[in-house]
Amino acid sequence: MTRWRRAPDALWRSLDGSVLVLGPDADEPVEVQGPAAGLWDLVADATTLDDAAAELAQRHG
């Protein structure tokens, strides 16, 4: 099963419940909030899509 994780060379900062992410080939950062910010936390370590979905469902109902 495929495991997802953050790109090791992505730059990011967490701020007040959102995350700013600058991908390795990106020119502009992307801000993620809510469940997407939670997903960013989950992929700090490699995780499967099923495990991430289950954890997000538990957190956000």
PDB file of N, CA and C in Angstrom:
ATOM      1  N   MET A   1       0.846  -1.180   0.000  1.00  0.00           N
ATOM      2  CA  MET A   1       0.000   0.000   0.000  1.00  0.00           C
ATOM      3  C   MET A   1       0.894   1.248   0.000  1.00  0.00           C
ATOM      4  N   THR A   2       0.498   2.240  -0.774  1.00  0.00           N
ATOM      5  CA  THR A   2       1.259   3.487  -0.862  1.00  0.00           C
ATOM      6  C   THR A   2       1.226   4.228   0.465  1.00  0.00           C
ATOM      7  N   ARG A   3       2.380   4.757   0.840  1.00  0.00           N
ATOM      8  CA  ARG A   3       2.481   5.570   2.049  1.00  0.00           C
ATOM      9  C   ARG A   3       2.843   6.993   1.632  1.00  0.00           C
ATOM     10  N   TRP A   4       2.162   7.958   2.224  1.00  0.00           N
ATOM     11  CA  TRP A   4       2.348   9.365   1.903  1.00  0.00           C
ATOM     12  C   TRP A   4       3.172  10.032   2.996  1.00  0.00           C
ATOM     13  N   ARG A   5       4.020  10.979   2.600  1.00  0.00           N
ATOM     14  CA  ARG A   5       4.788  11.760   3.570  1.00  0.00           C
ATOM     15  C   ARG A   5       5.126  13.109   2.952  1.00  0.00           C
ATOM     16  N   ARG A   6       5.543  14.037   3.791  1.00  0.00           N
ATOM     17  CA  ARG A   6       5.942  15.358   3.317  1.00  0.00           C
ATOM     18  C   ARG A   6       7.196  15.229   2.451  1.00  0.00           C
ATOM     19  N   ALA A   7       7.319  16.109   1.477  1.00  0.00           N
ATOM     20  CA  ALA A   7       8.570  16.196   0.730  1.00  0.00           C
ATOM     21  C   ALA A   7       9.635  16.730   1.690  1.00  0.00           C
ATOM     22  N   PRO A   8      10.760  16.051   1.806  1.00  0.00           N
ATOM     23  CA  PRO A   8      11.761  16.474   2.787  1.00  0.00           C
ATOM     24  C   PRO A   8      12.330  17.865   2.517  1.00  0.00           C
ATOM     25  N   ASP A   9      12.262  18.324   1.275  1.00  0.00           N
ATOM     26  CA  ASP A   9      12.802  19.642   0.959  1.00  0.00           C
ATOM     27  C   ASP A   9      11.724  20.724   0.842  1.00  0.00           C
ATOM     28  N   ALA A  10      10.507  20.428   1.261  1.00  0.00           N
ATOM     29  CA  ALA A  10       9.450  21.451   1.315  1.00  0.00           C
ATOM     30  C   ALA A  10       9.715  22.358   2.515  1.00  0.00           C
ATOM     31  N   LEU A  11       9.516  23.636   2.314  1.00  0.00           N
ATOM     32  CA  LEU A  11       9.639  24.597   3.411  1.00  0.00           C
ATOM     33  C   LEU A  11       8.247  24.860   3.957  1.00  0.00           C
ATOM     34  N   TRP A  12       8.114  24.967   5.273  1.00  0.00           N
ATOM     35  CA  TRP A  12       6.785  25.175   5.846  1.00  0.00           C
ATOM     36  C   TRP A  12       6.887  25.821   7.217  1.00  0.00           C
ATOM     37  N   ARG A  13       5.812  26.476   7.598  1.00  0.00           N
ATOM     38  CA  ARG A  13       5.668  27.071   8.927  1.00  0.00           C
ATOM     39  C   ARG A  13       4.218  26.942   9.357  1.00  0.00           C
ATOM     40  N   SER A  14       4.035  26.585  10.615  1.00  0.00           N
ATOM     41  CA  SER A  14       2.706  26.493  11.202  1.00  0.00           C
ATOM     42  C   SER A  14       2.428  27.792  11.956  1.00  0.00           C
ATOM     43  N   LEU A  15       1.192  28.324  11.785  1.00  0.00           N
ATOM     44  CA  LEU A  15       0.850  29.586  12.421  1.00  0.00           C
ATOM     45  C   LEU A  15      -0.644  29.637  12.680  1.00  0.00           C
ATOM     46  N   ASP A  16      -1.028  29.680  13.942  1.00  0.00           N
ATOM     47  CA  ASP A  16      -2.434  29.866  14.328  1.00  0.00           C
ATOM     48  C   ASP A  16      -3.400  28.904  13.644  1.00  0.00           C
ATOM     49  N   GLY A  17      -3.074  27.622  13.606  1.00  0.00           N
ATOM     50  CA  GLY A  17      -3.981  26.623  13.056  1.00  0.00           C
ATOM     51  C   GLY A  17      -3.916  26.451  11.555  1.00  0.00           C
ATOM     52  N   SER A  18      -3.052  27.196  10.887  1.00  0.00           N
ATOM     53  CA  SER A  18      -2.861  26.993   9.454  1.00  0.00           C
ATOM     54  C   SER A  18      -1.384  26.704   9.196  1.00  0.00           C
ATOM     55  N   VAL A  19      -1.100  26.239   8.003  1.00  0.00           N
ATOM     56  CA  VAL A  19       0.274  25.911   7.633  1.00  0.00           C
ATOM     57  C   VAL A  19       0.570  26.560   6.287  1.00  0.00           C
ATOM     58  N   LEU A  20       1.694  27.253   6.204  1.00  0.00           N
ATOM     59  CA  LEU A  20       2.183  27.781   4.930  1.00  0.00           C
ATOM     60  C   LEU A  20       3.212  26.800   4.397  1.00  0.00           C
ATOM     61  N   VAL A  21       3.033  26.366   3.156  1.00  0.00           N
ATOM     62  CA  VAL A  21       3.913  25.364   2.555  1.00  0.00           C
ATOM     63  C   VAL A  21       4.452  25.908   1.242  1.00  0.00           C
ATOM     64  N   LEU A  22       5.764  25.798   1.066  1.00  0.00           N
ATOM     65  CA  LEU A  22       6.402  26.121  -0.203  1.00  0.00           C
ATOM     66  C   LEU A  22       7.047  24.843  -0.705  1.00  0.00           C
ATOM     67  N   GLY A  23       6.449  24.272  -1.740  1.00  0.00           N
ATOM     68  CA  GLY A  23       6.964  23.035  -2.312  1.00  0.00           C
ATOM     69  C   GLY A  23       8.307  23.256  -2.981  1.00  0.00           C
ATOM     70  N   PRO A  24       9.069  22.185  -3.199  1.00  0.00           N
ATOM     71  CA  PRO A  24      10.418  22.295  -3.753  1.00  0.00           C
ATOM     72  C   PRO A  24      10.479  23.009  -5.106  1.00  0.00           C
ATOM     73  N   ASP A  25       9.453  22.873  -5.929  1.00  0.00           N
ATOM     74  CA  ASP A  25       9.455  23.495  -7.256  1.00  0.00           C
ATOM     75  C   ASP A  25       8.458  24.639  -7.372  1.00  0.00           C
ATOM     76  N   ALA A  26       7.921  25.095  -6.245  1.00  0.00           N
ATOM     77  CA  ALA A  26       6.876  26.125  -6.259  1.00  0.00           C
ATOM     78  C   ALA A  26       7.481  27.525  -6.211  1.00  0.00           C
ATOM     79  N   ASP A  27       6.770  28.465  -6.811  1.00  0.00           N
ATOM     80  CA  ASP A  27       7.167  29.869  -6.755  1.00  0.00           C
ATOM     81  C   ASP A  27       6.434  30.621  -5.653  1.00  0.00           C
ATOM     82  N   GLU A  28       5.267  30.121  -5.271  1.00  0.00           N
ATOM     83  CA  GLU A  28       4.433  30.774  -4.265  1.00  0.00           C
ATOM     84  C   GLU A  28       4.043  29.763  -3.192  1.00  0.00           C
ATOM     85  N   PRO A  29       3.982  30.200  -1.934  1.00  0.00           N
ATOM     86  CA  PRO A  29       3.530  29.290  -0.885  1.00  0.00           C
ATOM     87  C   PRO A  29       2.025  29.054  -0.966  1.00  0.00           C
ATOM     88  N   VAL A  30       1.592  27.968  -0.376  1.00  0.00           N
ATOM     89  CA  VAL A  30       0.177  27.612  -0.277  1.00  0.00           C
ATOM     90  C   VAL A  30      -0.177  27.581   1.205  1.00  0.00           C
ATOM     91  N   GLU A  31      -1.318  28.167   1.567  1.00  0.00           N
ATOM     92  CA  GLU A  31      -1.786  28.114   2.949  1.00  0.00           C
ATOM     93  C   GLU A  31      -2.856  27.038   3.058  1.00  0.00           C
ATOM     94  N   VAL A  32      -2.689  26.142   4.012  1.00  0.00           N
ATOM     95  CA  VAL A  32      -3.696  25.115   4.270  1.00  0.00           C
ATOM     96  C   VAL A  32      -4.236  25.314   5.679  1.00  0.00           C
ATOM     97  N   GLN A  33      -5.543  25.069   5.838  1.00  0.00           N
ATOM     98  CA  GLN A  33      -6.218  25.280   7.113  1.00  0.00           C
ATOM     99  C   GLN A  33      -7.120  24.101   7.420  1.00  0.00           C
ATOM    100  N   GLY A  34      -7.610  24.052   8.644  1.00  0.00           N
ATOM    101  CA  GLY A  34      -8.583  23.038   9.047  1.00  0.00           C
ATOM    102  C   GLY A  34      -8.055  21.631   8.848  1.00  0.00           C
ATOM    103  N   PRO A  35      -8.874  20.748   8.266  1.00  0.00           N
ATOM    104  CA  PRO A  35      -8.449  19.361   8.068  1.00  0.00           C
ATOM    105  C   PRO A  35      -7.180  19.235   7.228  1.00  0.00           C
ATOM    106  N   ALA A  36      -6.968  20.160   6.292  1.00  0.00           N
ATOM    107  CA  ALA A  36      -5.755  20.096   5.466  1.00  0.00           C
ATOM    108  C   ALA A  36      -4.506  20.335   6.314  1.00  0.00           C
ATOM    109  N   ALA A  37      -4.596  21.235   7.286  1.00  0.00           N
ATOM    110  CA  ALA A  37      -3.473  21.454   8.192  1.00  0.00           C
ATOM    111  C   ALA A  37      -3.246  20.210   9.051  1.00  0.00           C
ATOM    112  N   GLY A  38      -4.327  19.552   9.439  1.00  0.00           N
ATOM    113  CA  GLY A  38      -4.208  18.296  10.179  1.00  0.00           C
ATOM    114  C   GLY A  38      -3.561  17.215   9.345  1.00  0.00           C
ATOM    115  N   LEU A  39      -3.890  17.184   8.065  1.00  0.00           N
ATOM    116  CA  LEU A  39      -3.271  16.210   7.169  1.00  0.00           C
ATOM    117  C   LEU A  39      -1.776  16.464   7.065  1.00  0.00           C
ATOM    118  N   TRP A  40      -1.374  17.722   7.013  1.00  0.00           N
ATOM    119  CA  TRP A  40       0.051  18.058   6.968  1.00  0.00           C
ATOM    120  C   TRP A  40       0.759  17.473   8.193  1.00  0.00           C
ATOM    121  N   ASP A  41       0.135  17.580   9.354  1.00  0.00           N
ATOM    122  CA  ASP A  41       0.712  16.988  10.565  1.00  0.00           C
ATOM    123  C   ASP A  41       0.821  15.470  10.437  1.00  0.00           C
ATOM    124  N   LEU A  42      -0.207  14.848   9.883  1.00  0.00           N
ATOM    125  CA  LEU A  42      -0.226  13.382   9.776  1.00  0.00           C
ATOM    126  C   LEU A  42       0.858  12.843   8.852  1.00  0.00           C
ATOM    127  N   VAL A  43       1.206  13.597   7.822  1.00  0.00           N
ATOM    128  CA  VAL A  43       2.202  13.092   6.876  1.00  0.00           C
ATOM    129  C   VAL A  43       3.629  13.474   7.269  1.00  0.00           C
ATOM    130  N   ALA A  44       3.811  13.944   8.509  1.00  0.00           N
ATOM    131  CA  ALA A  44       5.170  14.151   9.011  1.00  0.00           C
ATOM    132  C   ALA A  44       5.908  12.818   9.005  1.00  0.00           C
ATOM    133  N   ASP A  45       5.193  11.765   9.335  1.00  0.00           N
ATOM    134  CA  ASP A  45       5.689  10.394   9.211  1.00  0.00           C
ATOM    135  C   ASP A  45       4.880   9.737   8.102  1.00  0.00           C
ATOM    136  N   ALA A  46       5.487   8.824   7.389  1.00  0.00           N
ATOM    137  CA  ALA A  46       4.788   8.154   6.288  1.00  0.00           C
ATOM    138  C   ALA A  46       3.516   7.488   6.807  1.00  0.00           C
ATOM    139  N   THR A  47       2.416   7.686   6.095  1.00  0.00           N
ATOM    140  CA  THR A  47       1.131   7.115   6.484  1.00  0.00           C
ATOM    141  C   THR A  47       0.353   6.706   5.241  1.00  0.00           C
ATOM    142  N   THR A  48      -0.541   5.768   5.405  1.00  0.00           N
ATOM    143  CA  THR A  48      -1.385   5.363   4.280  1.00  0.00           C
ATOM    144  C   THR A  48      -2.570   6.316   4.169  1.00  0.00           C
ATOM    145  N   LEU A  49      -3.172   6.344   3.009  1.00  0.00           N
ATOM    146  CA  LEU A  49      -4.356   7.172   2.797  1.00  0.00           C
ATOM    147  C   LEU A  49      -5.491   6.732   3.718  1.00  0.00           C
ATOM    148  N   ASP A  50      -5.662   5.413   3.877  1.00  0.00           N
ATOM    149  CA  ASP A  50      -6.721   4.903   4.757  1.00  0.00           C
ATOM    150  C   ASP A  50      -6.506   5.344   6.199  1.00  0.00           C
ATOM    151  N   ASP A  51      -5.268   5.254   6.682  1.00  0.00           N
ATOM    152  CA  ASP A  51      -4.978   5.658   8.060  1.00  0.00           C
ATOM    153  C   ASP A  51      -5.181   7.162   8.249  1.00  0.00           C
ATOM    154  N   ALA A  52      -4.741   7.953   7.276  1.00  0.00           N
ATOM    155  CA  ALA A  52      -4.914   9.404   7.366  1.00  0.00           C
ATOM    156  C   ALA A  52      -6.395   9.774   7.353  1.00  0.00           C
ATOM    157  N   ALA A  53      -7.172   9.145   6.476  1.00  0.00           N
ATOM    158  CA  ALA A  53      -8.611   9.426   6.398  1.00  0.00           C
ATOM    159  C   ALA A  53      -9.308   9.053   7.697  1.00  0.00           C
ATOM    160  N   ALA A  54      -8.952   7.920   8.270  1.00  0.00           N
ATOM    161  CA  ALA A  54      -9.564   7.492   9.530  1.00  0.00           C
ATOM    162  C   ALA A  54      -9.233   8.468  10.654  1.00  0.00           C
ATOM    163  N   GLU A  55      -7.996   8.914  10.712  1.00  0.00           N
ATOM    164  CA  GLU A  55      -7.595   9.860  11.754  1.00  0.00           C
ATOM    165  C   GLU A  55      -8.298  11.205  11.575  1.00  0.00           C
ATOM    166  N   LEU A  56      -8.386  11.691  10.349  1.00  0.00           N
ATOM    167  CA  LEU A  56      -9.082  12.957  10.105  1.00  0.00           C
ATOM    168  C   LEU A  56     -10.572  12.842  10.417  1.00  0.00           C
ATOM    169  N   ALA A  57     -11.179  11.718  10.087  1.00  0.00           N
ATOM    170  CA  ALA A  57     -12.597  11.505  10.401  1.00  0.00           C
ATOM    171  C   ALA A  57     -12.818  11.505  11.906  1.00  0.00           C
ATOM    172  N   GLN A  58     -11.895  10.906  12.642  1.00  0.00           N
ATOM    173  CA  GLN A  58     -12.018  10.879  14.101  1.00  0.00           C
ATOM    174  C   GLN A  58     -11.870  12.292  14.672  1.00  0.00           C
ATOM    175  N   ARG A  59     -10.936  13.063  14.140  1.00  0.00           N
ATOM    176  CA  ARG A  59     -10.697  14.419  14.636  1.00  0.00           C
ATOM    177  C   ARG A  59     -11.826  15.385  14.289  1.00  0.00           C
ATOM    178  N   HIS A  60     -12.384  15.249  13.083  1.00  0.00           N
ATOM    179  CA  HIS A  60     -13.319  16.256  12.577  1.00  0.00           C
ATOM    180  C   HIS A  60     -14.748  15.746  12.394  1.00  0.00           C
ATOM    181  N   GLY A  61     -14.952  14.478  12.707  1.00  0.00           N
ATOM    182  CA  GLY A  61     -16.299  13.925  12.631  1.00  0.00           C
ATOM    183  C   GLY A  61     -16.709  13.666  11.246  1.00  0.00           C
TER     184      GLY A  61
END
